[in-house]
Each structure stands twice: as C-alpha cells, then as structure tokens.
C-alpha cells in the first residue's frame, strides 16, 4: 500500500473515530437526560472523566507508537472503544455509565489525533 493511500485511510478512520467516540456524547446527551433519572452534571462529568483519561493514556500510546506498535494501538483502541460505546445503553446507574466513559477515554488516548499524527511522523518523517 502506498503512503498516500495509507494516510487517506487514516484520515477516514480518524473521522469515524471522532464521530463515533467523541461527538456521540453531544449528540446523545439530550436523550440520556430524558431517558435516565441522572443529573446532567453527573452525565457530563462522565465525559469529562473520559477526556482526562485520554490525556493520561495519550503519552502511553505515544510510547507504544515509538516502539513500532502504532497500528495495533489505533486498531485495538478503536475496537475496544466501539464495544464500550455499544454497551452504554445497558448502564443501569450513573456510576456504571461513568466507568464505561472512563474506559472510552482510555481508548481515545490511543486512537485520536495525537496517536495518529505520532504514527505518521514516525513512519513518514519530514515527508
């Protein structure tokens, strides 16, 4: 596969990652508010926790990219996050909901821009 084609696929993948793992929160917030008896502050705190977890795990993902494991980090981070997002409707308490979002956040650290750009920089250099 050519480098241009690989970067095109990464760009498409990143668009899907952001839509399915990051923007989904804003898209579903109103539905969660109406469907669940949880306070809005608790629901949004779960997402805040996810963002903090992404910040914690991004350097770890960067080290894995530096060790040549970039494609694995991006792939498995996205797959695990997709499973976690899929089980969100089954969260029976705000605590479980928050715990799931913490897991999604850890995955975000491994599959969003930082990791993707680290992989491109590692493999392509200044090109």
Protein backbone atom coordinates (compact mmCIF):
# COMPACT_ATOMS: atom_id res chain seq x y z
CA UNK A 1 0.00 0.00 0.00
CA UNK A 2 1.31 3.44 -0.86
CA UNK A 3 1.92 6.01 1.84
CA UNK A 4 -0.66 8.34 0.32
CA UNK A 5 -3.30 5.62 0.39
CA UNK A 6 -2.45 4.67 3.98
CA UNK A 7 -2.75 8.29 5.10
CA UNK A 8 -6.08 8.58 3.28
CA UNK A 9 -7.36 5.55 5.20
CA UNK A 10 -6.07 7.02 8.46
CA UNK A 11 -7.91 10.26 7.69
CA UNK A 12 -11.15 8.38 7.05
CA UNK A 13 -10.63 6.32 10.20
CA UNK A 14 -10.00 9.43 12.30
CA UNK A 15 -13.21 11.00 11.01
CA UNK A 16 -15.13 7.89 12.04
CA UNK A 17 -13.35 7.72 15.42
CA UNK A 18 -14.21 11.32 16.23
CA UNK A 19 -17.83 10.91 15.16
CA UNK A 20 -18.39 7.61 16.95
CA UNK A 21 -16.39 8.18 20.11
CA UNK A 22 -16.23 11.90 20.77
CA UNK A 23 -19.11 13.73 19.10
CA UNK A 24 -21.54 10.97 20.02
CA UNK A 25 -21.64 12.34 23.54
CA UNK A 26 -23.04 15.70 22.48
CA UNK A 27 -25.40 14.01 20.04
CA UNK A 28 -26.88 11.74 22.71
CA UNK A 29 -26.73 14.00 25.78
CA UNK A 30 -30.33 15.19 25.49
CA UNK A 31 -31.59 11.64 25.04
CA UNK A 32 -29.67 10.44 28.10
CA UNK A 33 -31.09 13.35 30.10
CA UNK A 34 -34.65 12.44 29.21
CA UNK A 35 -34.25 8.66 29.40
CA UNK A 36 -32.32 8.44 32.67
CA UNK A 37 -33.02 9.95 36.08
CA UNK A 38 -29.42 11.07 36.45
CA UNK A 39 -28.43 14.73 36.85
CA UNK A 40 -26.96 16.45 33.82
CA UNK A 41 -23.87 17.32 35.83
CA UNK A 42 -23.21 13.64 36.54
CA UNK A 43 -23.69 12.70 32.90
CA UNK A 44 -21.30 15.40 31.70
CA UNK A 45 -18.83 14.56 34.48
CA UNK A 46 -18.56 11.10 32.92
CA UNK A 47 -17.45 12.66 29.64
CA UNK A 48 -15.06 14.99 31.46
CA UNK A 49 -13.53 11.91 33.06
CA UNK A 50 -13.16 10.38 29.60
CA UNK A 51 -11.25 13.43 28.36
CA UNK A 52 -8.97 13.29 31.40
CA UNK A 53 -8.35 9.58 30.82
CA UNK A 54 -7.45 10.34 27.20
CA UNK A 55 -4.88 12.84 28.45
CA UNK A 56 -3.41 10.24 30.81
CA UNK A 57 -3.24 7.49 28.18
CA UNK A 58 -2.01 9.57 25.21
CA UNK A 59 1.65 9.53 26.34
CA UNK A 60 1.45 5.77 26.85
CA UNK A 61 0.07 5.38 23.34
CA UNK A 62 2.85 7.63 22.07
CA UNK A 63 5.47 5.38 23.63
CA UNK A 64 3.84 2.37 22.00
CA UNK A 65 3.92 4.15 18.64
CA UNK A 66 7.60 4.91 19.18
CA UNK A 67 8.14 1.18 19.81
CA UNK A 68 6.56 0.29 16.47
CA UNK A 69 3.11 -0.67 17.78
CA UNK A 70 1.19 2.27 16.28
CA UNK A 71 -1.17 0.34 14.00
CA UNK A 72 -2.06 -2.01 16.86
CA UNK A 73 -2.74 0.87 19.25
CA UNK A 74 -5.02 2.62 16.77
CA UNK A 75 -6.87 -0.55 15.83
CA UNK A 76 -7.41 -2.03 19.27
CA UNK A 77 -8.14 1.35 20.86
CA UNK A 78 -10.93 1.93 18.36
CA UNK A 79 -12.32 -1.62 18.64
CA UNK A 80 -12.42 -1.62 22.43
CA UNK A 81 -13.96 1.87 22.47
CA UNK A 82 -16.64 0.76 20.00
CA UNK A 83 -17.58 -2.14 22.27
CA UNK A 84 -17.74 0.19 25.27
CA UNK A 85 -19.95 2.69 23.42
CA UNK A 86 -22.19 -0.20 22.35
CA UNK A 87 -22.77 -1.23 25.96
CA UNK A 88 -23.58 2.30 27.16
CA UNK A 89 -27.36 1.74 26.79
CA UNK A 90 -27.09 -1.06 29.33
CA UNK A 91 -25.61 1.12 32.07
CA UNK A 92 -28.01 0.77 34.97
CA UNK A 93 -26.53 3.52 37.12
CA UNK A 94 -24.69 6.75 36.59
CA UNK A 95 -21.64 5.10 38.17
CA UNK A 96 -21.57 2.34 35.57
CA UNK A 97 -22.16 4.96 32.88
CA UNK A 98 -19.19 6.95 34.18
CA UNK A 99 -17.00 3.88 34.45
CA UNK A 100 -17.75 2.97 30.82
CA UNK A 101 -16.85 6.50 29.74
CA UNK A 102 -13.55 6.25 31.62
CA UNK A 103 -12.78 3.18 29.53
CA UNK A 104 -13.76 5.02 26.36
CA UNK A 105 -11.46 7.84 27.43
CA UNK A 106 -8.52 5.48 27.82
CA UNK A 107 -9.22 4.27 24.28
CA UNK A 108 -9.48 7.84 23.00
CA UNK A 109 -5.90 8.36 24.13
CA UNK A 110 -4.91 5.55 21.80
CA UNK A 111 -6.88 6.33 18.67
CA UNK A 112 -7.38 10.06 18.21
CA UNK A 113 -5.21 12.71 16.58
CA UNK A 114 -2.20 12.54 18.86
CA UNK A 115 -1.59 8.86 18.22
CA UNK A 116 -2.41 9.12 14.53
CA UNK A 117 -0.02 12.03 13.99
CA UNK A 118 2.68 10.27 16.02
CA UNK A 119 2.32 7.24 13.75
CA UNK A 120 2.51 9.34 10.58
CA UNK A 121 5.51 11.28 11.88
CA UNK A 122 7.28 8.07 12.90
CA UNK A 123 6.70 6.34 9.59
CA UNK A 124 6.97 9.29 7.18
CA UNK A 125 9.46 11.55 8.92
CA UNK A 126 9.52 15.06 7.46
CA UNK A 127 7.80 13.90 4.27
